[in-house]
């Protein structure tokens, strides 16, 4: 698969935020049972890895880190990711940031690895229940990060959408239908139902066919660009 570097336009006051998910036809990104992951193919993995290689920093909320950090840390040390970083003239590794109000033993165990790779744990300010998006932006600006990949999960995506700062979504549709049972599946956004007059409206930038999968690239128009 031929991959061309992405061009991202950084806003004036914060980093460019982008994310990627693979979803079934019926909109499921996670099933809380064994046997359903990974949803996408090797071609989707290559696209996802290349996209993520553009980032100066990668952000997870705690629950996503507990479930997937060991795979993430392993993947960024693999040859594919390292070659992409080299081709993009990026340093070998991004900063990995986990947002949590409770950095407990479960999280620290999930972040243990054989590479000596260290994770930044960002906690709330002033006794808040969760890390605010503004606190995250302030930290990223201080570190000089301009392109930031949001790995997940669905509640963090909801926060970013609510704050109107999620600039791009790269969504792979896999040719599968999982169905659903109560509390067994997740969609890309959880924890909020937007009022009809505040539904985020994205613009389709591109469509790419990967055999029976399709990758949709969407951008959120900046406030200054909206009529």
N, C-alpha and C. Protein backbone atom coordinates (compact mmCIF):
# COMPACT_ATOMS: atom_id res chain seq x y z
N UNK A 1 0.84 -1.19 0.00
CA UNK A 1 0.00 0.00 0.00
C UNK A 1 0.88 1.25 0.00
N UNK A 2 0.61 2.17 -0.93
CA UNK A 2 1.37 3.41 -1.01
C UNK A 2 0.78 4.42 -0.04
N UNK A 3 1.63 4.94 0.85
CA UNK A 3 1.18 5.89 1.86
C UNK A 3 1.89 7.22 1.67
N UNK A 4 1.13 8.27 1.59
CA UNK A 4 1.66 9.62 1.40
C UNK A 4 1.52 10.39 2.71
N UNK A 5 2.57 11.10 3.13
CA UNK A 5 2.49 11.86 4.39
C UNK A 5 1.28 12.80 4.43
N UNK A 6 0.66 12.87 5.58
CA UNK A 6 -0.50 13.73 5.77
C UNK A 6 -0.06 15.16 6.07
N UNK A 7 -0.87 16.10 5.64
CA UNK A 7 -0.65 17.51 5.94
C UNK A 7 -1.70 17.97 6.94
N UNK A 8 -1.25 18.51 8.07
CA UNK A 8 -2.15 18.97 9.11
C UNK A 8 -1.90 20.45 9.39
N UNK A 9 -2.96 21.23 9.46
CA UNK A 9 -2.84 22.67 9.72
C UNK A 9 -3.08 22.94 11.20
N UNK A 10 -2.03 23.31 11.90
CA UNK A 10 -2.12 23.57 13.34
C UNK A 10 -2.92 24.84 13.63
N UNK A 11 -3.88 24.78 14.55
CA UNK A 11 -4.54 26.01 14.99
C UNK A 11 -3.55 26.94 15.69
N UNK A 12 -3.93 28.20 15.81
CA UNK A 12 -3.00 29.20 16.35
C UNK A 12 -2.71 28.99 17.83
N UNK A 13 -3.68 28.47 18.59
CA UNK A 13 -3.55 28.46 20.04
C UNK A 13 -3.42 27.08 20.67
N UNK A 14 -3.28 26.06 19.86
CA UNK A 14 -3.23 24.69 20.41
C UNK A 14 -2.69 23.75 19.36
N UNK A 15 -2.40 22.49 19.77
CA UNK A 15 -1.98 21.49 18.78
C UNK A 15 -3.14 21.07 17.88
N UNK A 16 -2.80 20.40 16.80
CA UNK A 16 -3.77 19.76 15.91
C UNK A 16 -4.09 18.40 16.51
N UNK A 17 -5.36 18.14 16.79
CA UNK A 17 -5.80 16.88 17.37
C UNK A 17 -6.42 15.99 16.29
N UNK A 18 -5.96 14.75 16.21
CA UNK A 18 -6.54 13.81 15.25
C UNK A 18 -6.64 12.43 15.88
N UNK A 19 -7.52 11.62 15.33
CA UNK A 19 -7.75 10.29 15.87
C UNK A 19 -8.09 9.33 14.75
N UNK A 20 -8.08 8.04 15.07
CA UNK A 20 -8.40 7.00 14.10
C UNK A 20 -9.10 5.85 14.82
N UNK A 21 -10.14 5.35 14.20
CA UNK A 21 -10.84 4.19 14.73
C UNK A 21 -11.17 3.24 13.59
N UNK A 22 -11.31 1.96 13.94
CA UNK A 22 -11.88 1.00 13.01
C UNK A 22 -13.20 0.54 13.60
N UNK A 23 -14.23 0.58 12.78
CA UNK A 23 -15.59 0.30 13.23
C UNK A 23 -16.22 -0.77 12.35
N UNK A 24 -17.12 -1.53 12.94
CA UNK A 24 -17.94 -2.44 12.14
C UNK A 24 -18.98 -1.63 11.37
N UNK A 25 -19.66 -2.30 10.45
CA UNK A 25 -20.72 -1.62 9.70
C UNK A 25 -21.79 -1.07 10.65
N UNK A 26 -22.04 -1.80 11.75
CA UNK A 26 -23.05 -1.34 12.70
C UNK A 26 -22.47 -0.47 13.81
N UNK A 27 -21.28 0.08 13.58
CA UNK A 27 -20.78 1.15 14.44
C UNK A 27 -20.07 0.74 15.71
N UNK A 28 -19.66 -0.51 15.85
CA UNK A 28 -19.01 -0.96 17.07
C UNK A 28 -17.48 -0.86 16.93
N UNK A 29 -16.85 -0.30 17.96
CA UNK A 29 -15.38 -0.22 17.96
C UNK A 29 -14.75 -1.12 19.02
N UNK A 30 -15.53 -1.50 20.02
CA UNK A 30 -15.03 -2.38 21.08
C UNK A 30 -16.16 -3.32 21.50
N UNK A 31 -15.80 -4.57 21.72
CA UNK A 31 -16.70 -5.53 22.35
C UNK A 31 -16.01 -6.00 23.63
N UNK A 32 -16.74 -5.96 24.73
CA UNK A 32 -16.16 -6.31 26.03
C UNK A 32 -16.19 -7.82 26.26
N UNK A 33 -15.84 -8.54 25.24
CA UNK A 33 -15.73 -10.00 25.29
C UNK A 33 -14.52 -10.39 24.46
N UNK A 34 -13.94 -11.54 24.74
CA UNK A 34 -12.79 -12.01 23.99
C UNK A 34 -13.21 -12.50 22.60
N UNK A 35 -12.28 -12.38 21.66
CA UNK A 35 -12.47 -12.96 20.35
C UNK A 35 -12.86 -12.00 19.25
N UNK A 36 -13.13 -10.73 19.59
CA UNK A 36 -13.59 -9.76 18.59
C UNK A 36 -12.49 -8.83 18.09
N UNK A 37 -11.36 -8.82 18.74
CA UNK A 37 -10.29 -7.88 18.41
C UNK A 37 -9.12 -8.64 17.79
N UNK A 38 -8.45 -8.10 16.77
CA UNK A 38 -8.67 -6.81 16.12
C UNK A 38 -9.85 -6.84 15.15
N UNK A 39 -10.45 -5.68 14.95
CA UNK A 39 -11.58 -5.57 14.04
C UNK A 39 -11.10 -5.43 12.60
N UNK A 40 -10.01 -4.68 12.40
CA UNK A 40 -9.51 -4.40 11.06
C UNK A 40 -8.49 -5.41 10.57
N UNK A 41 -8.08 -5.22 9.32
CA UNK A 41 -7.12 -6.10 8.66
C UNK A 41 -5.70 -5.57 8.83
N UNK A 42 -4.73 -6.28 8.26
CA UNK A 42 -3.35 -5.83 8.29
C UNK A 42 -3.17 -4.52 7.51
N UNK A 43 -3.95 -4.33 6.46
CA UNK A 43 -3.86 -3.07 5.71
C UNK A 43 -4.34 -1.90 6.57
N UNK A 44 -5.39 -2.11 7.33
CA UNK A 44 -5.85 -1.07 8.24
C UNK A 44 -4.79 -0.79 9.30
N UNK A 45 -4.15 -1.83 9.81
CA UNK A 45 -3.09 -1.66 10.80
C UNK A 45 -1.96 -0.81 10.23
N UNK A 46 -1.59 -1.07 8.97
CA UNK A 46 -0.52 -0.29 8.35
C UNK A 46 -0.92 1.18 8.23
N UNK A 47 -2.14 1.44 7.77
CA UNK A 47 -2.63 2.82 7.65
C UNK A 47 -2.64 3.50 9.01
N UNK A 48 -3.18 2.81 10.00
CA UNK A 48 -3.28 3.35 11.36
C UNK A 48 -1.90 3.64 11.94
N UNK A 49 -0.96 2.72 11.74
CA UNK A 49 0.39 2.91 12.26
C UNK A 49 1.07 4.09 11.59
N UNK A 50 0.89 4.23 10.28
CA UNK A 50 1.48 5.35 9.55
C UNK A 50 0.88 6.67 10.02
N UNK A 51 -0.43 6.71 10.18
CA UNK A 51 -1.09 7.93 10.65
C UNK A 51 -0.57 8.32 12.03
N UNK A 52 -0.51 7.36 12.92
CA UNK A 52 -0.07 7.63 14.30
C UNK A 52 1.39 8.05 14.36
N UNK A 53 2.18 7.63 13.39
CA UNK A 53 3.60 7.99 13.36
C UNK A 53 3.83 9.48 13.14
N UNK A 54 2.81 10.21 12.69
CA UNK A 54 2.93 11.65 12.48
C UNK A 54 2.92 12.43 13.80
N UNK A 55 2.48 11.81 14.88
CA UNK A 55 2.19 12.54 16.11
C UNK A 55 3.44 12.81 16.95
N UNK A 56 3.48 14.01 17.53
CA UNK A 56 4.50 14.33 18.53
C UNK A 56 4.16 13.69 19.87
N UNK A 57 2.88 13.56 20.13
CA UNK A 57 2.41 12.95 21.38
C UNK A 57 1.16 12.14 21.09
N UNK A 58 0.96 11.11 21.90
CA UNK A 58 -0.21 10.24 21.79
C UNK A 58 -0.89 10.20 23.15
N UNK A 59 -2.21 10.38 23.17
CA UNK A 59 -2.95 10.53 24.42
C UNK A 59 -3.98 9.43 24.57
N UNK A 60 -4.01 8.85 25.76
CA UNK A 60 -5.02 7.87 26.15
C UNK A 60 -5.67 8.31 27.45
N UNK A 61 -6.94 8.00 27.62
CA UNK A 61 -7.55 8.03 28.94
C UNK A 61 -7.20 6.73 29.66
N UNK A 62 -7.38 6.72 30.96
CA UNK A 62 -6.91 5.60 31.78
C UNK A 62 -7.46 4.25 31.34
N UNK A 63 -8.77 4.15 31.14
CA UNK A 63 -9.36 2.84 30.84
C UNK A 63 -8.79 2.26 29.55
N UNK A 64 -8.56 3.11 28.57
CA UNK A 64 -7.96 2.65 27.31
C UNK A 64 -6.53 2.20 27.54
N UNK A 65 -5.80 2.95 28.36
CA UNK A 65 -4.41 2.58 28.64
C UNK A 65 -4.33 1.24 29.38
N UNK A 66 -5.21 1.05 30.34
CA UNK A 66 -5.21 -0.21 31.09
C UNK A 66 -5.43 -1.39 30.15
N UNK A 67 -6.28 -1.20 29.17
CA UNK A 67 -6.62 -2.31 28.27
C UNK A 67 -5.61 -2.49 27.14
N UNK A 68 -5.07 -1.37 26.62
CA UNK A 68 -4.30 -1.46 25.37
C UNK A 68 -2.86 -0.96 25.44
N UNK A 69 -2.42 -0.38 26.56
CA UNK A 69 -1.07 0.23 26.60
C UNK A 69 0.03 -0.77 26.27
N UNK A 70 -0.10 -2.00 26.72
CA UNK A 70 0.97 -2.96 26.46
C UNK A 70 1.13 -3.22 24.96
N UNK A 71 0.01 -3.20 24.22
CA UNK A 71 0.08 -3.38 22.76
C UNK A 71 0.65 -2.12 22.11
N UNK A 72 0.21 -0.95 22.59
CA UNK A 72 0.70 0.31 22.04
C UNK A 72 2.21 0.44 22.21
N UNK A 73 2.70 0.19 23.41
CA UNK A 73 4.14 0.34 23.68
C UNK A 73 4.94 -0.64 22.83
N UNK A 74 4.43 -1.83 22.68
CA UNK A 74 5.12 -2.81 21.84
C UNK A 74 5.14 -2.36 20.38
N UNK A 75 4.01 -1.82 19.91
CA UNK A 75 3.89 -1.45 18.50
C UNK A 75 4.82 -0.30 18.13
N UNK A 76 4.99 0.69 19.01
CA UNK A 76 5.83 1.84 18.65
C UNK A 76 7.31 1.48 18.66
N UNK A 77 7.64 0.30 19.16
CA UNK A 77 9.03 -0.17 19.10
C UNK A 77 9.25 -1.15 17.94
N UNK A 78 8.19 -1.49 17.21
CA UNK A 78 8.32 -2.42 16.09
C UNK A 78 8.91 -1.72 14.87
N UNK A 79 9.44 -2.53 13.95
CA UNK A 79 10.13 -2.00 12.77
C UNK A 79 9.22 -1.11 11.92
N UNK A 80 7.96 -1.51 11.73
CA UNK A 80 7.07 -0.74 10.87
C UNK A 80 6.94 0.70 11.37
N UNK A 81 6.65 0.86 12.65
CA UNK A 81 6.49 2.20 13.21
C UNK A 81 7.79 2.97 13.16
N UNK A 82 8.89 2.32 13.48
CA UNK A 82 10.19 2.99 13.48
C UNK A 82 10.59 3.45 12.08
N UNK A 83 10.28 2.66 11.07
CA UNK A 83 10.57 3.06 9.69
C UNK A 83 9.72 4.25 9.27
N UNK A 84 8.45 4.23 9.67
CA UNK A 84 7.59 5.38 9.36
C UNK A 84 8.11 6.65 10.02
N UNK A 85 8.52 6.55 11.28
CA UNK A 85 9.05 7.72 11.98
C UNK A 85 10.30 8.25 11.28
N UNK A 86 11.15 7.35 10.85
CA UNK A 86 12.37 7.75 10.15
C UNK A 86 12.03 8.45 8.83
N UNK A 87 11.10 7.86 8.07
CA UNK A 87 10.70 8.46 6.79
C UNK A 87 10.08 9.84 6.98
N UNK A 88 9.38 10.03 8.09
CA UNK A 88 8.73 11.31 8.38
C UNK A 88 9.66 12.29 9.08
N UNK A 89 10.90 11.85 9.30
CA UNK A 89 11.92 12.67 9.97
C UNK A 89 11.47 13.09 11.38
N UNK A 90 10.93 12.12 12.08
CA UNK A 90 10.50 12.32 13.45
C UNK A 90 11.46 11.58 14.37
N UNK A 91 11.59 12.01 15.63
CA UNK A 91 12.37 11.23 16.59
C UNK A 91 11.77 9.84 16.75
N UNK A 92 12.54 8.87 17.22
CA UNK A 92 12.06 7.48 17.24
C UNK A 92 10.73 7.27 17.97
N UNK A 93 10.52 7.99 19.06
CA UNK A 93 9.34 7.72 19.89
C UNK A 93 8.58 9.01 20.22
N UNK A 94 7.26 8.93 20.29
CA UNK A 94 6.46 10.08 20.72
C UNK A 94 6.38 10.12 22.25
N UNK A 95 5.87 11.19 22.77
CA UNK A 95 5.50 11.20 24.18
C UNK A 95 4.15 10.50 24.32
N UNK A 96 4.05 9.63 25.31
CA UNK A 96 2.79 8.93 25.58
C UNK A 96 2.21 9.51 26.86
N UNK A 97 0.99 10.01 26.78
CA UNK A 97 0.35 10.71 27.88
C UNK A 97 -0.94 9.98 28.25
N UNK A 98 -1.09 9.66 29.52
CA UNK A 98 -2.31 9.03 30.02
C UNK A 98 -3.00 9.99 30.97
N UNK A 99 -4.29 10.22 30.75
CA UNK A 99 -5.08 11.12 31.57
C UNK A 99 -5.85 10.31 32.62
N UNK A 100 -5.71 10.70 33.88
CA UNK A 100 -6.42 9.98 34.93
C UNK A 100 -6.47 10.80 36.21
N UNK A 101 -7.52 10.60 36.98
CA UNK A 101 -7.59 11.17 38.32
C UNK A 101 -7.18 10.14 39.37
N UNK A 102 -6.87 8.93 38.91
CA UNK A 102 -6.54 7.85 39.84
C UNK A 102 -5.43 6.98 39.26
N UNK A 103 -4.17 7.43 39.37
CA UNK A 103 -3.05 6.64 38.83
C UNK A 103 -2.70 5.48 39.76
N UNK A 104 -3.52 4.45 39.73
CA UNK A 104 -3.40 3.36 40.69
C UNK A 104 -2.47 2.25 40.19
N UNK A 105 -2.40 1.19 40.97
CA UNK A 105 -1.49 0.08 40.66
C UNK A 105 -1.87 -0.59 39.34
N UNK A 106 -3.16 -0.69 39.07
CA UNK A 106 -3.61 -1.31 37.82
C UNK A 106 -3.03 -0.58 36.61
N UNK A 107 -3.05 0.75 36.65
CA UNK A 107 -2.50 1.54 35.55
C UNK A 107 -1.00 1.37 35.46
N UNK A 108 -0.31 1.47 36.58
CA UNK A 108 1.15 1.35 36.56
C UNK A 108 1.58 -0.02 36.05
N UNK A 109 0.84 -1.06 36.41
CA UNK A 109 1.16 -2.40 35.91
C UNK A 109 0.96 -2.48 34.40
N UNK A 110 -0.07 -1.82 33.89
CA UNK A 110 -0.33 -1.84 32.45
C UNK A 110 0.76 -1.12 31.67
N UNK A 111 1.43 -0.17 32.31
CA UNK A 111 2.45 0.63 31.63
C UNK A 111 3.85 0.03 31.73
N UNK A 112 4.01 -1.02 32.52
CA UNK A 112 5.32 -1.67 32.63
C UNK A 112 5.71 -2.28 31.30
N UNK A 113 6.99 -2.17 30.95
CA UNK A 113 7.44 -2.73 29.67
C UNK A 113 8.92 -3.04 29.73
N UNK A 114 9.39 -3.79 28.75
CA UNK A 114 10.80 -4.21 28.69
C UNK A 114 11.67 -3.26 27.91
N UNK A 115 11.11 -2.15 27.45
CA UNK A 115 11.86 -1.20 26.61
C UNK A 115 12.42 -0.01 27.39
N UNK A 116 12.08 0.07 28.67
CA UNK A 116 12.47 1.24 29.44
C UNK A 116 11.70 2.48 29.03
N UNK A 117 10.55 2.29 28.39
CA UNK A 117 9.74 3.40 27.89
C UNK A 117 8.91 3.98 29.03
N UNK A 118 8.98 5.28 29.20
CA UNK A 118 8.28 5.95 30.29
C UNK A 118 7.06 6.71 29.77
N UNK A 119 6.01 6.67 30.56
CA UNK A 119 4.74 7.32 30.22
C UNK A 119 4.53 8.55 31.10
N UNK A 120 4.00 9.60 30.52
CA UNK A 120 3.59 10.78 31.28
C UNK A 120 2.16 10.57 31.78
N UNK A 121 1.96 10.67 33.07
CA UNK A 121 0.62 10.58 33.65
C UNK A 121 0.17 11.98 34.04
N UNK A 122 -0.87 12.45 33.38
CA UNK A 122 -1.39 13.79 33.61
C UNK A 122 -2.66 13.70 34.45
N UNK A 123 -2.64 14.35 35.60
CA UNK A 123 -3.76 14.31 36.54
C UNK A 123 -4.48 15.66 36.56
N UNK A 124 -5.70 15.69 37.11
CA UNK A 124 -6.48 16.94 37.11
C UNK A 124 -5.85 18.02 37.97
N UNK A 125 -6.23 19.25 37.68
CA UNK A 125 -5.85 20.38 38.50
C UNK A 125 -6.92 20.64 39.56
N UNK A 126 -6.48 21.15 40.70
CA UNK A 126 -7.40 21.71 41.71
C UNK A 126 -8.49 20.74 42.14
N UNK A 127 -8.15 19.46 42.24
CA UNK A 127 -9.11 18.50 42.77
C UNK A 127 -10.28 18.18 41.86
N UNK A 128 -10.17 18.50 40.58
CA UNK A 128 -11.24 18.17 39.64
C UNK A 128 -11.37 16.66 39.49
N UNK A 129 -12.52 16.21 39.02
CA UNK A 129 -12.76 14.78 38.90
C UNK A 129 -12.08 14.17 37.68
N UNK A 130 -11.79 15.00 36.66
CA UNK A 130 -11.10 14.49 35.49
C UNK A 130 -10.24 15.60 34.89
N UNK A 131 -9.31 15.19 34.05
CA UNK A 131 -8.43 16.15 33.39
C UNK A 131 -9.24 16.93 32.36
N UNK A 132 -9.23 18.24 32.48
CA UNK A 132 -9.97 19.06 31.51
C UNK A 132 -9.21 19.13 30.19
N UNK A 133 -9.94 19.39 29.13
CA UNK A 133 -9.30 19.54 27.82
C UNK A 133 -8.36 20.73 27.82
N UNK A 134 -8.74 21.80 28.52
CA UNK A 134 -7.85 22.97 28.57
C UNK A 134 -6.55 22.65 29.30
N UNK A 135 -6.62 21.87 30.36
CA UNK A 135 -5.41 21.45 31.07
C UNK A 135 -4.50 20.64 30.15
N UNK A 136 -5.10 19.74 29.37
CA UNK A 136 -4.33 18.96 28.40
C UNK A 136 -3.69 19.88 27.37
N UNK A 137 -4.46 20.82 26.83
CA UNK A 137 -3.93 21.75 25.83
C UNK A 137 -2.78 22.56 26.41
N UNK A 138 -2.95 23.05 27.63
CA UNK A 138 -1.89 23.85 28.26
C UNK A 138 -0.61 23.04 28.39
N UNK A 139 -0.74 21.77 28.79
CA UNK A 139 0.44 20.91 28.92
C UNK A 139 1.11 20.70 27.57
N UNK A 140 0.32 20.39 26.55
CA UNK A 140 0.87 20.12 25.22
C UNK A 140 1.53 21.36 24.64
N UNK A 141 0.92 22.52 24.84
CA UNK A 141 1.54 23.77 24.37
C UNK A 141 2.87 24.01 25.06
N UNK A 142 2.91 23.75 26.35
CA UNK A 142 4.14 23.94 27.12
C UNK A 142 5.26 23.04 26.59
N UNK A 143 4.90 21.83 26.17
CA UNK A 143 5.89 20.88 25.65
C UNK A 143 6.24 21.16 24.19
N UNK A 144 5.50 22.03 23.53
CA UNK A 144 5.79 22.36 22.14
C UNK A 144 5.26 21.36 21.13
N UNK A 145 4.31 20.51 21.53
CA UNK A 145 3.74 19.53 20.62
C UNK A 145 2.76 20.21 19.66
N UNK A 146 2.88 19.90 18.38
CA UNK A 146 2.00 20.52 17.38
C UNK A 146 1.00 19.54 16.77
N UNK A 147 1.31 18.26 16.77
CA UNK A 147 0.40 17.24 16.22
C UNK A 147 0.21 16.17 17.29
N UNK A 148 -1.04 15.97 17.70
CA UNK A 148 -1.33 15.08 18.82
C UNK A 148 -2.40 14.07 18.41
N UNK A 149 -2.07 12.80 18.54
CA UNK A 149 -3.00 11.71 18.20
C UNK A 149 -3.76 11.31 19.46
N UNK A 150 -5.07 11.29 19.37
CA UNK A 150 -5.92 10.85 20.48
C UNK A 150 -6.27 9.39 20.25
N UNK A 151 -5.71 8.54 21.09
CA UNK A 151 -5.89 7.10 20.93
C UNK A 151 -7.25 6.64 21.48
N UNK A 152 -7.73 7.28 22.50
CA UNK A 152 -9.02 6.92 23.06
C UNK A 152 -9.07 7.18 24.56
N UNK A 153 -10.17 6.79 25.13
CA UNK A 153 -11.27 6.09 24.51
C UNK A 153 -12.46 6.97 24.17
N UNK A 154 -13.63 6.34 24.04
CA UNK A 154 -14.83 7.03 23.58
C UNK A 154 -15.27 8.20 24.45
N UNK A 155 -15.01 8.13 25.76
CA UNK A 155 -15.39 9.25 26.63
C UNK A 155 -14.49 10.45 26.41
N UNK A 156 -13.19 10.19 26.18
CA UNK A 156 -12.26 11.29 25.87
C UNK A 156 -12.61 11.91 24.52
N UNK A 157 -12.97 11.09 23.55
CA UNK A 157 -13.39 11.63 22.26
C UNK A 157 -14.61 12.54 22.44
N UNK A 158 -15.53 12.13 23.31
CA UNK A 158 -16.70 12.96 23.59
C UNK A 158 -16.30 14.32 24.16
N UNK A 159 -15.34 14.33 25.08
CA UNK A 159 -14.86 15.59 25.66
C UNK A 159 -14.28 16.51 24.58
N UNK A 160 -13.49 15.94 23.69
CA UNK A 160 -12.87 16.75 22.64
C UNK A 160 -13.91 17.29 21.66
N UNK A 161 -14.90 16.48 21.35
CA UNK A 161 -15.98 16.94 20.47
C UNK A 161 -16.79 18.05 21.14
N UNK A 162 -17.05 17.87 22.42
CA UNK A 162 -17.81 18.87 23.15
C UNK A 162 -17.06 20.21 23.19
N UNK A 163 -15.72 20.12 23.27
CA UNK A 163 -14.88 21.32 23.28
C UNK A 163 -14.61 21.85 21.88
N UNK A 164 -15.05 21.12 20.86
CA UNK A 164 -14.88 21.49 19.45
C UNK A 164 -13.41 21.63 19.06
N UNK A 165 -12.60 20.68 19.50
CA UNK A 165 -11.17 20.73 19.19
C UNK A 165 -10.65 19.45 18.52
N UNK A 166 -11.52 18.51 18.20
CA UNK A 166 -11.07 17.31 17.49
C UNK A 166 -11.05 17.62 16.00
N UNK A 167 -9.85 17.84 15.45
CA UNK A 167 -9.72 18.39 14.10
C UNK A 167 -9.99 17.38 13.00
N UNK A 168 -9.54 16.13 13.18
CA UNK A 168 -9.75 15.11 12.14
C UNK A 168 -10.06 13.76 12.75
N UNK A 169 -10.90 13.02 12.04
CA UNK A 169 -11.19 11.62 12.36
C UNK A 169 -10.91 10.79 11.12
N UNK A 170 -10.11 9.75 11.28
CA UNK A 170 -9.87 8.77 10.22
C UNK A 170 -10.60 7.50 10.64
N UNK A 171 -11.65 7.17 9.93
CA UNK A 171 -12.53 6.08 10.32
C UNK A 171 -12.50 4.97 9.28
N UNK A 172 -12.04 3.80 9.70
CA UNK A 172 -12.07 2.62 8.84
C UNK A 172 -13.35 1.84 9.11
N UNK A 173 -14.09 1.53 8.06
CA UNK A 173 -15.28 0.70 8.18
C UNK A 173 -14.91 -0.72 7.76
N UNK A 174 -14.98 -1.64 8.70
CA UNK A 174 -14.69 -3.04 8.42
C UNK A 174 -15.97 -3.76 8.01
N UNK A 175 -15.88 -4.72 7.09
CA UNK A 175 -17.08 -5.39 6.58
C UNK A 175 -17.60 -6.46 7.54
N UNK A 176 -17.94 -6.02 8.74
CA UNK A 176 -18.42 -6.93 9.79
C UNK A 176 -19.62 -6.30 10.49
N UNK A 177 -20.47 -7.13 11.04
CA UNK A 177 -21.57 -6.68 11.89
C UNK A 177 -21.54 -7.52 13.16
N UNK A 178 -21.36 -6.85 14.32
CA UNK A 178 -21.27 -7.57 15.59
C UNK A 178 -22.62 -7.71 16.28
N UNK A 179 -23.54 -6.77 16.03
CA UNK A 179 -24.75 -6.74 16.84
C UNK A 179 -24.44 -6.13 18.20
N UNK A 180 -25.38 -6.28 19.15
CA UNK A 180 -25.17 -5.63 20.44
C UNK A 180 -26.03 -6.26 21.52
N UNK A 181 -25.51 -6.21 22.75
CA UNK A 181 -26.25 -6.53 23.96
C UNK A 181 -25.95 -5.42 24.96
N UNK A 182 -26.83 -5.19 25.93
CA UNK A 182 -26.60 -4.10 26.89
C UNK A 182 -25.23 -4.21 27.56
N UNK A 183 -24.48 -3.10 27.57
CA UNK A 183 -23.19 -2.98 28.25
C UNK A 183 -22.11 -3.92 27.70
N UNK A 184 -22.27 -4.38 26.46
CA UNK A 184 -21.27 -5.28 25.88
C UNK A 184 -20.43 -4.63 24.79
N UNK A 185 -20.91 -3.53 24.20
CA UNK A 185 -20.20 -2.91 23.08
C UNK A 185 -20.07 -1.41 23.30
N UNK A 186 -19.11 -0.81 22.57
CA UNK A 186 -18.91 0.63 22.60
C UNK A 186 -18.88 1.18 21.18
N UNK A 187 -19.35 2.41 21.03
CA UNK A 187 -19.19 3.14 19.78
C UNK A 187 -18.02 4.11 19.94
N UNK A 188 -17.77 4.92 18.92
CA UNK A 188 -16.62 5.82 18.95
C UNK A 188 -16.77 6.92 19.99
N UNK A 189 -18.00 7.27 20.33
CA UNK A 189 -18.27 8.34 21.29
C UNK A 189 -19.26 7.82 22.34
N UNK A 190 -18.88 7.96 23.61
CA UNK A 190 -19.73 7.48 24.69
C UNK A 190 -19.84 8.56 25.77
N UNK A 191 -20.95 8.52 26.51
CA UNK A 191 -21.11 9.39 27.66
C UNK A 191 -21.79 10.71 27.38
N UNK A 192 -22.22 10.92 26.15
CA UNK A 192 -22.90 12.16 25.80
C UNK A 192 -23.84 11.91 24.63
N UNK A 193 -24.98 12.59 24.65
CA UNK A 193 -25.88 12.66 23.49
C UNK A 193 -26.02 14.13 23.15
N UNK A 194 -25.47 14.52 22.01
CA UNK A 194 -25.48 15.93 21.64
C UNK A 194 -26.90 16.39 21.33
N UNK A 195 -27.29 17.58 21.81
CA UNK A 195 -28.58 18.14 21.42
C UNK A 195 -28.63 18.33 19.90
N UNK A 196 -29.82 18.26 19.31
CA UNK A 196 -29.92 18.36 17.85
C UNK A 196 -29.24 19.59 17.26
N UNK A 197 -29.25 20.71 17.98
CA UNK A 197 -28.66 21.93 17.44
C UNK A 197 -27.17 22.05 17.73
N UNK A 198 -26.59 21.03 18.38
CA UNK A 198 -25.16 21.06 18.69
C UNK A 198 -24.43 19.81 18.18
N UNK A 199 -25.04 19.09 17.27
CA UNK A 199 -24.41 17.89 16.71
C UNK A 199 -23.18 18.30 15.90
N UNK A 200 -22.00 17.75 16.21
CA UNK A 200 -20.81 18.09 15.42
C UNK A 200 -20.98 17.69 13.95
N UNK A 201 -20.67 18.60 13.06
CA UNK A 201 -20.80 18.37 11.62
C UNK A 201 -19.41 18.38 10.98
N UNK A 202 -19.01 17.25 10.44
CA UNK A 202 -17.69 17.11 9.83
C UNK A 202 -17.77 17.20 8.31
N UNK A 203 -16.63 17.49 7.72
CA UNK A 203 -16.50 17.56 6.26
C UNK A 203 -15.67 16.37 5.78
N UNK A 204 -16.15 15.68 4.76
CA UNK A 204 -15.42 14.54 4.20
C UNK A 204 -14.28 15.04 3.32
N UNK A 205 -13.05 14.65 3.69
CA UNK A 205 -11.86 15.05 2.94
C UNK A 205 -11.45 14.02 1.90
N UNK A 206 -11.58 12.73 2.24
CA UNK A 206 -11.14 11.70 1.30
C UNK A 206 -11.76 10.36 1.65
N UNK A 207 -11.77 9.48 0.65
CA UNK A 207 -12.22 8.10 0.81
C UNK A 207 -11.17 7.20 0.19
N UNK A 208 -10.73 6.19 0.93
CA UNK A 208 -9.74 5.26 0.40
C UNK A 208 -10.22 3.83 0.60
N UNK A 209 -10.21 3.06 -0.46
CA UNK A 209 -10.66 1.67 -0.41
C UNK A 209 -9.47 0.76 -0.13
N UNK A 210 -9.59 -0.08 0.89
CA UNK A 210 -8.58 -1.08 1.23
C UNK A 210 -9.24 -2.46 1.11
N UNK A 211 -9.24 -3.00 -0.09
CA UNK A 211 -9.98 -4.25 -0.34
C UNK A 211 -11.44 -4.05 0.07
N UNK A 212 -11.91 -4.81 1.06
CA UNK A 212 -13.31 -4.69 1.48
C UNK A 212 -13.52 -3.68 2.60
N UNK A 213 -12.46 -3.03 3.03
CA UNK A 213 -12.57 -1.95 4.01
C UNK A 213 -12.55 -0.61 3.29
N UNK A 214 -13.04 0.42 3.97
CA UNK A 214 -12.98 1.77 3.42
C UNK A 214 -12.55 2.72 4.54
N UNK A 215 -11.64 3.64 4.21
CA UNK A 215 -11.16 4.62 5.18
C UNK A 215 -11.74 5.99 4.82
N UNK A 216 -12.44 6.57 5.76
CA UNK A 216 -13.05 7.89 5.58
C UNK A 216 -12.27 8.90 6.41
N UNK A 217 -11.82 9.96 5.76
CA UNK A 217 -11.09 11.02 6.46
C UNK A 217 -11.99 12.24 6.58
N UNK A 218 -12.30 12.61 7.81
CA UNK A 218 -13.19 13.73 8.08
C UNK A 218 -12.47 14.84 8.83
N UNK A 219 -12.82 16.09 8.53
CA UNK A 219 -12.29 17.22 9.28
C UNK A 219 -13.44 18.01 9.89
N UNK A 220 -13.15 18.61 11.04
CA UNK A 220 -14.12 19.49 11.69
C UNK A 220 -13.78 20.92 11.31
N UNK A 221 -14.67 21.61 10.59
CA UNK A 221 -14.37 22.99 10.21
C UNK A 221 -14.09 23.85 11.44
N UNK A 222 -13.11 24.72 11.33
CA UNK A 222 -12.79 25.64 12.42
C UNK A 222 -13.96 26.60 12.62
N UNK A 223 -14.07 27.10 13.85
CA UNK A 223 -15.16 28.02 14.16
C UNK A 223 -15.20 29.21 13.21
N UNK A 224 -14.01 29.67 12.81
CA UNK A 224 -13.94 30.84 11.92
C UNK A 224 -14.39 30.52 10.50
N UNK A 225 -14.42 29.20 10.16
CA UNK A 225 -14.80 28.79 8.81
C UNK A 225 -16.29 28.46 8.69
N UNK A 226 -16.99 28.46 9.81
CA UNK A 226 -18.39 28.04 9.79
C UNK A 226 -19.30 29.23 9.52
N UNK A 227 -20.33 28.96 8.76
CA UNK A 227 -21.29 30.03 8.44
C UNK A 227 -22.37 30.09 9.51
